[in-house]
PDB file of N, CA and C in Angstrom:
ATOM      1  N   MET A   1     -37.645 -71.061 -82.603  1.00  0.00           N
ATOM      2  CA  MET A   1     -36.679 -70.073 -82.186  1.00  0.00           C
ATOM      3  C   MET A   1     -35.986 -70.489 -80.903  1.00  0.00           C
ATOM      4  N   ALA A   2     -36.758 -71.021 -79.953  1.00  0.00           N
ATOM      5  CA  ALA A   2     -36.168 -71.387 -78.670  1.00  0.00           C
ATOM      6  C   ALA A   2     -35.171 -72.526 -78.830  1.00  0.00           C
ATOM      7  N   VAL A   3     -35.456 -73.462 -79.734  1.00  0.00           N
ATOM      8  CA  VAL A   3     -34.520 -74.563 -79.968  1.00  0.00           C
ATOM      9  C   VAL A   3     -33.212 -74.011 -80.529  1.00  0.00           C
ATOM     10  N   GLY A   4     -33.290 -73.073 -81.456  1.00  0.00           N
ATOM     11  CA  GLY A   4     -32.093 -72.437 -81.995  1.00  0.00           C
ATOM     12  C   GLY A   4     -31.334 -71.670 -80.928  1.00  0.00           C
ATOM     13  N   ALA A   5     -32.059 -70.974 -80.072  1.00  0.00           N
ATOM     14  CA  ALA A   5     -31.422 -70.245 -78.972  1.00  0.00           C
ATOM     15  C   ALA A   5     -30.721 -71.214 -78.029  1.00  0.00           C
ATOM     16  N   LEU A   6     -31.362 -72.333 -77.771  1.00  0.00           N
ATOM     17  CA  LEU A   6     -30.775 -73.347 -76.900  1.00  0.00           C
ATOM     18  C   LEU A   6     -29.463 -73.862 -77.488  1.00  0.00           C
ATOM     19  N   ARG A   7     -29.445 -74.115 -78.780  1.00  0.00           N
ATOM     20  CA  ARG A   7     -28.213 -74.574 -79.440  1.00  0.00           C
ATOM     21  C   ARG A   7     -27.123 -73.496 -79.383  1.00  0.00           C
ATOM     22  N   GLY A   8     -27.510 -72.252 -79.626  1.00  0.00           N
ATOM     23  CA  GLY A   8     -26.545 -71.157 -79.565  1.00  0.00           C
ATOM     24  C   GLY A   8     -25.964 -70.981 -78.174  1.00  0.00           C
ATOM     25  N   LEU A   9     -26.800 -71.093 -77.163  1.00  0.00           N
ATOM     26  CA  LEU A   9     -26.322 -70.982 -75.785  1.00  0.00           C
ATOM     27  C   LEU A   9     -25.351 -72.108 -75.464  1.00  0.00           C
ATOM     28  N   ASP A  10     -25.665 -73.309 -75.938  1.00  0.00           N
ATOM     29  CA  ASP A  10     -24.777 -74.443 -75.713  1.00  0.00           C
ATOM     30  C   ASP A  10     -23.411 -74.192 -76.356  1.00  0.00           C
ATOM     31  N   ARG A  11     -23.408 -73.713 -77.593  1.00  0.00           N
ATOM     32  CA  ARG A  11     -22.142 -73.415 -78.286  1.00  0.00           C
ATOM     33  C   ARG A  11     -21.352 -72.320 -77.571  1.00  0.00           C
ATOM     34  N   ALA A  12     -22.067 -71.389 -76.938  1.00  0.00           N
ATOM     35  CA  ALA A  12     -21.408 -70.287 -76.232  1.00  0.00           C
ATOM     36  C   ALA A  12     -20.969 -70.672 -74.822  1.00  0.00           C
ATOM     37  N   GLY A  13     -21.273 -71.909 -74.420  1.00  0.00           N
ATOM     38  CA  GLY A  13     -20.870 -72.362 -73.100  1.00  0.00           C
ATOM     39  C   GLY A  13     -21.784 -71.915 -71.980  1.00  0.00           C
ATOM     40  N   VAL A  14     -22.989 -71.479 -72.322  1.00  0.00           N
ATOM     41  CA  VAL A  14     -23.961 -71.053 -71.313  1.00  0.00           C
ATOM     42  C   VAL A  14     -24.743 -72.284 -70.869  1.00  0.00           C
ATOM     43  N   ALA A  15     -24.726 -72.558 -69.573  1.00  0.00           N
ATOM     44  CA  ALA A  15     -25.416 -73.726 -69.036  1.00  0.00           C
ATOM     45  C   ALA A  15     -26.910 -73.446 -68.908  1.00  0.00           C
ATOM     46  N   VAL A  16     -27.698 -74.338 -69.482  1.00  0.00           N
ATOM     47  CA  VAL A  16     -29.157 -74.252 -69.378  1.00  0.00           C
ATOM     48  C   VAL A  16     -29.616 -75.513 -68.667  1.00  0.00           C
ATOM     49  N   PRO A  17     -30.286 -75.435 -67.522  1.00  0.00           N
ATOM     50  CA  PRO A  17     -30.864 -74.270 -66.886  1.00  0.00           C
ATOM     51  C   PRO A  17     -29.991 -73.617 -65.827  1.00  0.00           C
ATOM     52  N   GLY A  18     -28.729 -73.985 -65.716  1.00  0.00           N
ATOM     53  CA  GLY A  18     -27.878 -73.425 -64.667  1.00  0.00           C
ATOM     54  C   GLY A  18     -27.677 -71.928 -64.746  1.00  0.00           C
ATOM     55  N   ASP A  19     -27.156 -71.433 -65.872  1.00  0.00           N
ATOM     56  CA  ASP A  19     -26.901 -70.002 -66.041  1.00  0.00           C
ATOM     57  C   ASP A  19     -28.126 -69.251 -66.543  1.00  0.00           C
ATOM     58  N   MET A  20     -28.932 -69.919 -67.323  1.00  0.00           N
ATOM     59  CA  MET A  20     -30.105 -69.291 -67.937  1.00  0.00           C
ATOM     60  C   MET A  20     -31.176 -70.359 -68.125  1.00  0.00           C
ATOM     61  N   GLN A  21     -32.424 -69.951 -67.987  1.00  0.00           N
ATOM     62  CA  GLN A  21     -33.533 -70.854 -68.252  1.00  0.00           C
ATOM     63  C   GLN A  21     -34.210 -70.413 -69.539  1.00  0.00           C
ATOM     64  N   ILE A  22     -34.753 -71.371 -70.277  1.00  0.00           N
ATOM     65  CA  ILE A  22     -35.375 -71.038 -71.551  1.00  0.00           C
ATOM     66  C   ILE A  22     -36.664 -71.845 -71.719  1.00  0.00           C
ATOM     67  N   VAL A  23     -37.691 -71.159 -72.223  1.00  0.00           N
ATOM     68  CA  VAL A  23     -39.000 -71.771 -72.452  1.00  0.00           C
ATOM     69  C   VAL A  23     -39.428 -71.446 -73.874  1.00  0.00           C
ATOM     70  N   GLY A  24     -39.888 -72.453 -74.584  1.00  0.00           N
ATOM     71  CA  GLY A  24     -40.402 -72.260 -75.935  1.00  0.00           C
ATOM     72  C   GLY A  24     -41.914 -72.202 -75.934  1.00  0.00           C
ATOM     73  N   TYR A  25     -42.477 -72.035 -77.115  1.00  0.00           N
ATOM     74  CA  TYR A  25     -43.924 -71.945 -77.258  1.00  0.00           C
ATOM     75  C   TYR A  25     -44.366 -72.844 -78.397  1.00  0.00           C
ATOM     76  N   SER A  26     -45.355 -73.638 -78.167  1.00  0.00           N
ATOM     77  CA  SER A  26     -46.084 -74.485 -79.116  1.00  0.00           C
ATOM     78  C   SER A  26     -45.766 -75.962 -78.997  1.00  0.00           C
ATOM     79  N   ASP A  27     -44.750 -76.355 -78.261  1.00  0.00           N
ATOM     80  CA  ASP A  27     -44.469 -77.764 -77.981  1.00  0.00           C
ATOM     81  C   ASP A  27     -44.382 -78.622 -79.242  1.00  0.00           C
ATOM     82  N   VAL A  28     -43.611 -78.185 -80.210  1.00  0.00           N
ATOM     83  CA  VAL A  28     -43.404 -78.958 -81.437  1.00  0.00           C
ATOM     84  C   VAL A  28     -42.432 -80.107 -81.164  1.00  0.00           C
ATOM     85  N   SER A  29     -42.335 -81.050 -82.091  1.00  0.00           N
ATOM     86  CA  SER A  29     -41.491 -82.231 -81.881  1.00  0.00           C
ATOM     87  C   SER A  29     -40.021 -81.863 -81.668  1.00  0.00           C
ATOM     88  N   ALA A  30     -39.547 -80.800 -82.312  1.00  0.00           N
ATOM     89  CA  ALA A  30     -38.157 -80.371 -82.114  1.00  0.00           C
ATOM     90  C   ALA A  30     -37.919 -79.959 -80.666  1.00  0.00           C
ATOM     91  N   ALA A  31     -38.918 -79.363 -80.035  1.00  0.00           N
ATOM     92  CA  ALA A  31     -38.792 -78.968 -78.629  1.00  0.00           C
ATOM     93  C   ALA A  31     -38.706 -80.203 -77.742  1.00  0.00           C
ATOM     94  N   GLU A  32     -39.509 -81.196 -78.061  1.00  0.00           N
ATOM     95  CA  GLU A  32     -39.468 -82.441 -77.289  1.00  0.00           C
ATOM     96  C   GLU A  32     -38.104 -83.108 -77.438  1.00  0.00           C
ATOM     97  N   ALA A  33     -37.590 -83.172 -78.657  1.00  0.00           N
ATOM     98  CA  ALA A  33     -36.288 -83.794 -78.902  1.00  0.00           C
ATOM     99  C   ALA A  33     -35.166 -83.051 -78.180  1.00  0.00           C
ATOM    100  N   ALA A  34     -35.291 -81.734 -78.058  1.00  0.00           N
ATOM    101  CA  ALA A  34     -34.267 -80.923 -77.386  1.00  0.00           C
ATOM    102  C   ALA A  34     -34.488 -80.847 -75.878  1.00  0.00           C
ATOM    103  N   HIS A  35     -35.521 -81.525 -75.375  1.00  0.00           N
ATOM    104  CA  HIS A  35     -35.867 -81.507 -73.946  1.00  0.00           C
ATOM    105  C   HIS A  35     -36.150 -80.091 -73.458  1.00  0.00           C
ATOM    106  N   LEU A  36     -36.773 -79.296 -74.314  1.00  0.00           N
ATOM    107  CA  LEU A  36     -37.066 -77.893 -74.049  1.00  0.00           C
ATOM    108  C   LEU A  36     -38.403 -77.747 -73.326  1.00  0.00           C
ATOM    109  N   THR A  37     -38.411 -77.033 -72.228  1.00  0.00           N
ATOM    110  CA  THR A  37     -39.664 -76.698 -71.563  1.00  0.00           C
ATOM    111  C   THR A  37     -40.468 -75.804 -72.499  1.00  0.00           C
ATOM    112  N   THR A  38     -41.756 -76.106 -72.662  1.00  0.00           N
ATOM    113  CA  THR A  38     -42.565 -75.334 -73.601  1.00  0.00           C
ATOM    114  C   THR A  38     -43.965 -75.074 -73.072  1.00  0.00           C
ATOM    115  N   VAL A  39     -44.601 -74.100 -73.678  1.00  0.00           N
ATOM    116  CA  VAL A  39     -46.025 -73.857 -73.459  1.00  0.00           C
ATOM    117  C   VAL A  39     -46.750 -74.623 -74.558  1.00  0.00           C
ATOM    118  N   HIS A  40     -47.597 -75.554 -74.157  1.00  0.00           N
ATOM    119  CA  HIS A  40     -48.334 -76.379 -75.118  1.00  0.00           C
ATOM    120  C   HIS A  40     -49.690 -75.751 -75.402  1.00  0.00           C
ATOM    121  N   VAL A  41     -49.990 -75.616 -76.665  1.00  0.00           N
ATOM    122  CA  VAL A  41     -51.307 -75.145 -77.102  1.00  0.00           C
ATOM    123  C   VAL A  41     -51.937 -76.290 -77.883  1.00  0.00           C
ATOM    124  N   PRO A  42     -53.115 -76.754 -77.480  1.00  0.00           N
ATOM    125  CA  PRO A  42     -53.754 -77.865 -78.192  1.00  0.00           C
ATOM    126  C   PRO A  42     -54.234 -77.430 -79.578  1.00  0.00           C
ATOM    127  N   ARG A  43     -53.348 -77.548 -80.562  1.00  0.00           N
ATOM    128  CA  ARG A  43     -53.620 -77.030 -81.911  1.00  0.00           C
ATOM    129  C   ARG A  43     -54.804 -77.710 -82.588  1.00  0.00           C
ATOM    130  N   ARG A  44     -54.964 -79.008 -82.411  1.00  0.00           N
ATOM    131  CA  ARG A  44     -56.112 -79.685 -83.040  1.00  0.00           C
ATOM    132  C   ARG A  44     -57.422 -79.147 -82.485  1.00  0.00           C
ATOM    133  N   ARG A  45     -57.460 -79.015 -81.178  1.00  0.00           N
ATOM    134  CA  ARG A  45     -58.676 -78.484 -80.550  1.00  0.00           C
ATOM    135  C   ARG A  45     -58.949 -77.064 -81.031  1.00  0.00           C
ATOM    136  N   LEU A  46     -57.915 -76.274 -81.133  1.00  0.00           N
ATOM    137  CA  LEU A  46     -58.046 -74.908 -81.619  1.00  0.00           C
ATOM    138  C   LEU A  46     -58.557 -74.899 -83.062  1.00  0.00           C
ATOM    139  N   GLY A  47     -58.001 -75.770 -83.894  1.00  0.00           N
ATOM    140  CA  GLY A  47     -58.427 -75.850 -85.291  1.00  0.00           C
ATOM    141  C   GLY A  47     -59.874 -76.278 -85.437  1.00  0.00           C
ATOM    142  N   ARG A  48     -60.281 -77.290 -84.664  1.00  0.00           N
ATOM    143  CA  ARG A  48     -61.685 -77.743 -84.718  1.00  0.00           C
ATOM    144  C   ARG A  48     -62.628 -76.624 -84.311  1.00  0.00           C
ATOM    145  N   HIS A  49     -62.272 -75.939 -83.247  1.00  0.00           N
ATOM    146  CA  HIS A  49     -63.132 -74.862 -82.773  1.00  0.00           C
ATOM    147  C   HIS A  49     -63.192 -73.731 -83.801  1.00  0.00           C
ATOM    148  N   ALA A  50     -62.063 -73.396 -84.397  1.00  0.00           N
ATOM    149  CA  ALA A  50     -62.038 -72.328 -85.405  1.00  0.00           C
ATOM    150  C   ALA A  50     -62.897 -72.693 -86.610  1.00  0.00           C
ATOM    151  N   ALA A  51     -62.857 -73.956 -87.032  1.00  0.00           N
ATOM    152  CA  ALA A  51     -63.672 -74.392 -88.170  1.00  0.00           C
ATOM    153  C   ALA A  51     -65.161 -74.303 -87.836  1.00  0.00           C
ATOM    154  N   ARG A  52     -65.531 -74.759 -86.642  1.00  0.00           N
ATOM    155  CA  ARG A  52     -66.944 -74.666 -86.221  1.00  0.00           C
ATOM    156  C   ARG A  52     -67.386 -73.213 -86.151  1.00  0.00           C
ATOM    157  N   LEU A  53     -66.546 -72.382 -85.596  1.00  0.00           N
ATOM    158  CA  LEU A  53     -66.871 -70.967 -85.463  1.00  0.00           C
ATOM    159  C   LEU A  53     -67.028 -70.311 -86.833  1.00  0.00           C
ATOM    160  N   ALA A  54     -66.128 -70.627 -87.758  1.00  0.00           N
ATOM    161  CA  ALA A  54     -66.228 -70.069 -89.113  1.00  0.00           C
ATOM    162  C   ALA A  54     -67.533 -70.490 -89.777  1.00  0.00           C
ATOM    163  N   ALA A  55     -67.929 -71.742 -89.575  1.00  0.00           N
ATOM    164  CA  ALA A  55     -69.191 -72.222 -90.149  1.00  0.00           C
ATOM    165  C   ALA A  55     -70.373 -71.475 -89.545  1.00  0.00           C
ATOM    166  N   HIS A  56     -70.380 -71.310 -88.233  1.00  0.00           N
ATOM    167  CA  HIS A  56     -71.483 -70.585 -87.578  1.00  0.00           C
ATOM    168  C   HIS A  56     -71.549 -69.135 -88.051  1.00  0.00           C
ATOM    169  N   LEU A  57     -70.395 -68.513 -88.232  1.00  0.00           N
ATOM    170  CA  LEU A  57     -70.378 -67.140 -88.742  1.00  0.00           C
ATOM    171  C   LEU A  57     -70.902 -67.095 -90.176  1.00  0.00           C
ATOM    172  N   ALA A  58     -70.489 -68.048 -90.996  1.00  0.00           N
ATOM    173  CA  ALA A  58     -70.926 -68.084 -92.400  1.00  0.00           C
ATOM    174  C   ALA A  58     -72.427 -68.322 -92.516  1.00  0.00           C
ATOM    175  N   TRP A  59     -72.978 -69.119 -91.609  1.00  0.00           N
ATOM    176  CA  TRP A  59     -74.409 -69.431 -91.645  1.00  0.00           C
ATOM    177  C   TRP A  59     -75.253 -68.374 -90.933  1.00  0.00           C
ATOM    178  N   GLY A  60     -74.590 -67.359 -90.388  1.00  0.00           N
ATOM    179  CA  GLY A  60     -75.319 -66.306 -89.692  1.00  0.00           C
ATOM    180  C   GLY A  60     -75.805 -66.707 -88.317  1.00  0.00           C
ATOM    181  N   GLU A  61     -75.233 -67.770 -87.757  1.00  0.00           N
ATOM    182  CA  GLU A  61     -75.649 -68.258 -86.438  1.00  0.00           C
ATOM    183  C   GLU A  61     -74.837 -67.634 -85.304  1.00  0.00           C
ATOM    184  N   ALA A  62     -73.880 -66.810 -85.647  1.00  0.00           N
ATOM    185  CA  ALA A  62     -73.048 -66.149 -84.638  1.00  0.00           C
ATOM    186  C   ALA A  62     -72.597 -64.815 -85.212  1.00  0.00           C
ATOM    187  N   GLU A  63     -72.229 -63.913 -84.319  1.00  0.00           N
ATOM    188  CA  GLU A  63     -71.736 -62.602 -84.739  1.00  0.00           C
ATOM    189  C   GLU A  63     -70.336 -62.383 -84.190  1.00  0.00           C
ATOM    190  N   ALA A  64     -69.509 -61.770 -85.003  1.00  0.00           N
ATOM    191  CA  ALA A  64     -68.155 -61.434 -84.556  1.00  0.00           C
ATOM    192  C   ALA A  64     -68.221 -60.131 -83.772  1.00  0.00           C
ATOM    193  N   PRO A  65     -67.389 -59.845 -82.845  1.00  0.00           N
ATOM    194  CA  PRO A  65     -66.295 -60.703 -82.421  1.00  0.00           C
ATOM    195  C   PRO A  65     -66.765 -61.736 -81.403  1.00  0.00           C
ATOM    196  N   ILE A  66     -66.148 -62.859 -81.426  1.00  0.00           N
ATOM    197  CA  ILE A  66     -66.421 -63.930 -80.475  1.00  0.00           C
ATOM    198  C   ILE A  66     -65.126 -64.191 -79.724  1.00  0.00           C
ATOM    199  N   HIS A  67     -65.220 -64.263 -78.428  1.00  0.00           N
ATOM    200  CA  HIS A  67     -64.040 -64.498 -77.604  1.00  0.00           C
ATOM    201  C   HIS A  67     -64.119 -65.903 -77.031  1.00  0.00           C
ATOM    202  N   TRP A  68     -63.047 -66.619 -77.152  1.00  0.00           N
ATOM    203  CA  TRP A  68     -62.972 -67.980 -76.640  1.00  0.00           C
ATOM    204  C   TRP A  68     -61.590 -68.166 -76.051  1.00  0.00           C
ATOM    205  N   THR A  69     -61.516 -68.721 -74.885  1.00  0.00           N
ATOM    206  CA  THR A  69     -60.236 -68.920 -74.224  1.00  0.00           C
ATOM    207  C   THR A  69     -59.856 -70.389 -74.288  1.00  0.00           C
ATOM    208  N   LEU A  70     -58.683 -70.640 -74.786  1.00  0.00           N
ATOM    209  CA  LEU A  70     -58.139 -71.989 -74.839  1.00  0.00           C
ATOM    210  C   LEU A  70     -56.944 -72.018 -73.899  1.00  0.00           C
ATOM    211  N   PRO A  71     -57.104 -72.625 -72.732  1.00  0.00           N
ATOM    212  CA  PRO A  71     -56.021 -72.562 -71.755  1.00  0.00           C
ATOM    213  C   PRO A  71     -54.803 -73.377 -72.197  1.00  0.00           C
ATOM    214  N   PRO A  72     -53.629 -72.762 -72.160  1.00  0.00           N
ATOM    215  CA  PRO A  72     -52.401 -73.487 -72.480  1.00  0.00           C
ATOM    216  C   PRO A  72     -51.943 -74.289 -71.267  1.00  0.00           C
ATOM    217  N   SER A  73     -50.964 -75.134 -71.461  1.00  0.00           N
ATOM    218  CA  SER A  73     -50.370 -75.854 -70.337  1.00  0.00           C
ATOM    219  C   SER A  73     -48.853 -75.804 -70.477  1.00  0.00           C
ATOM    220  N   LEU A  74     -48.189 -75.886 -69.366  1.00  0.00           N
ATOM    221  CA  LEU A  74     -46.731 -75.845 -69.352  1.00  0.00           C
ATOM    222  C   LEU A  74     -46.194 -77.272 -69.351  1.00  0.00           C
ATOM    223  N   VAL A  75     -45.331 -77.579 -70.297  1.00  0.00           N
ATOM    224  CA  VAL A  75     -44.687 -78.890 -70.376  1.00  0.00           C
ATOM    225  C   VAL A  75     -43.259 -78.702 -69.870  1.00  0.00           C
ATOM    226  N   ILE A  76     -43.024 -79.149 -68.655  1.00  0.00           N
ATOM    227  CA  ILE A  76     -41.726 -78.928 -68.018  1.00  0.00           C
ATOM    228  C   ILE A  76     -40.759 -80.031 -68.435  1.00  0.00           C
ATOM    229  N   ARG A  77     -39.638 -79.587 -68.988  1.00  0.00           N
ATOM    230  CA  ARG A  77     -38.587 -80.524 -69.386  1.00  0.00           C
ATOM    231  C   ARG A  77     -37.275 -80.070 -68.739  1.00  0.00           C
ATOM    232  N   ASP A  78     -36.176 -80.156 -69.467  1.00  0.00           N
ATOM    233  CA  ASP A  78     -34.857 -79.960 -68.852  1.00  0.00           C
ATOM    234  C   ASP A  78     -34.293 -78.548 -68.914  1.00  0.00           C
ATOM    235  N   THR A  79     -34.998 -77.586 -69.491  1.00  0.00           N
ATOM    236  CA  THR A  79     -34.414 -76.253 -69.662  1.00  0.00           C
ATOM    237  C   THR A  79     -34.882 -75.246 -68.614  1.00  0.00           C
ATOM    238  N   THR A  80     -35.605 -75.728 -67.622  1.00  0.00           N
ATOM    239  CA  THR A  80     -36.018 -74.874 -66.505  1.00  0.00           C
ATOM    240  C   THR A  80     -35.816 -75.641 -65.208  1.00  0.00           C
ATOM    241  N   ARG A  81     -35.807 -74.905 -64.131  1.00  0.00           N
ATOM    242  CA  ARG A  81     -35.689 -75.502 -62.801  1.00  0.00           C
ATOM    243  C   ARG A  81     -36.390 -74.587 -61.819  1.00  0.00           C
ATOM    244  N   PRO A  82     -36.739 -75.092 -60.644  1.00  0.00           N
ATOM    245  CA  PRO A  82     -37.354 -74.220 -59.645  1.00  0.00           C
ATOM    246  C   PRO A  82     -36.382 -73.120 -59.225  1.00  0.00           C
ATOM    247  N   LEU A  83     -36.916 -71.944 -58.979  1.00  0.00           N
ATOM    248  CA  LEU A  83     -36.091 -70.844 -58.488  1.00  0.00           C
ATOM    249  C   LEU A  83     -35.681 -71.114 -57.056  1.00  0.00           C
ATOM    250  N   LYS A  84     -34.533 -70.604 -56.672  1.00  0.00           N
ATOM    251  CA  LYS A  84     -34.073 -70.784 -55.297  1.00  0.00           C
ATOM    252  C   LYS A  84     -35.091 -70.193 -54.342  1.00  0.00           C
ATOM    253  N   GLY A  85     -35.353 -70.922 -53.267  1.00  0.00           N
ATOM    254  CA  GLY A  85     -36.284 -70.442 -52.258  1.00  0.00           C
ATOM    255  C   GLY A  85     -37.733 -70.785 -52.533  1.00  0.00           C
ATOM    256  N   THR A  86     -38.011 -71.522 -53.619  1.00  0.00           N
ATOM    257  CA  THR A  86     -39.390 -71.936 -53.889  1.00  0.00           C
ATOM    258  C   THR A  86     -39.520 -73.421 -53.618  1.00  0.00           C
ATOM    259  N   PRO A  87     -40.702 -73.836 -53.183  1.00  0.00           N
ATOM    260  CA  PRO A  87     -40.883 -75.276 -52.880  1.00  0.00           C
ATOM    261  C   PRO A  87     -40.847 -76.140 -54.124  1.00  0.00           C
TER     262      PRO A  87
END
């Protein structure tokens, strides 16, 4: 969605990141090609953990609900810039 929004803003003459900043989510290859700043979620790690968790639940070795935090990271590219007055 963010890549499409970026293209639409470009067609409308909106400067990114000058007039507007845009951030996508999931860091897919299209985001990289568009130089889009994104939130990266390590999908392989998430998938491995989900598979292990499903197995433990199926074997009765764990009980739902289980909470697990997978910290995302920000991949800064060309669609964002520091705000004025910030270091």
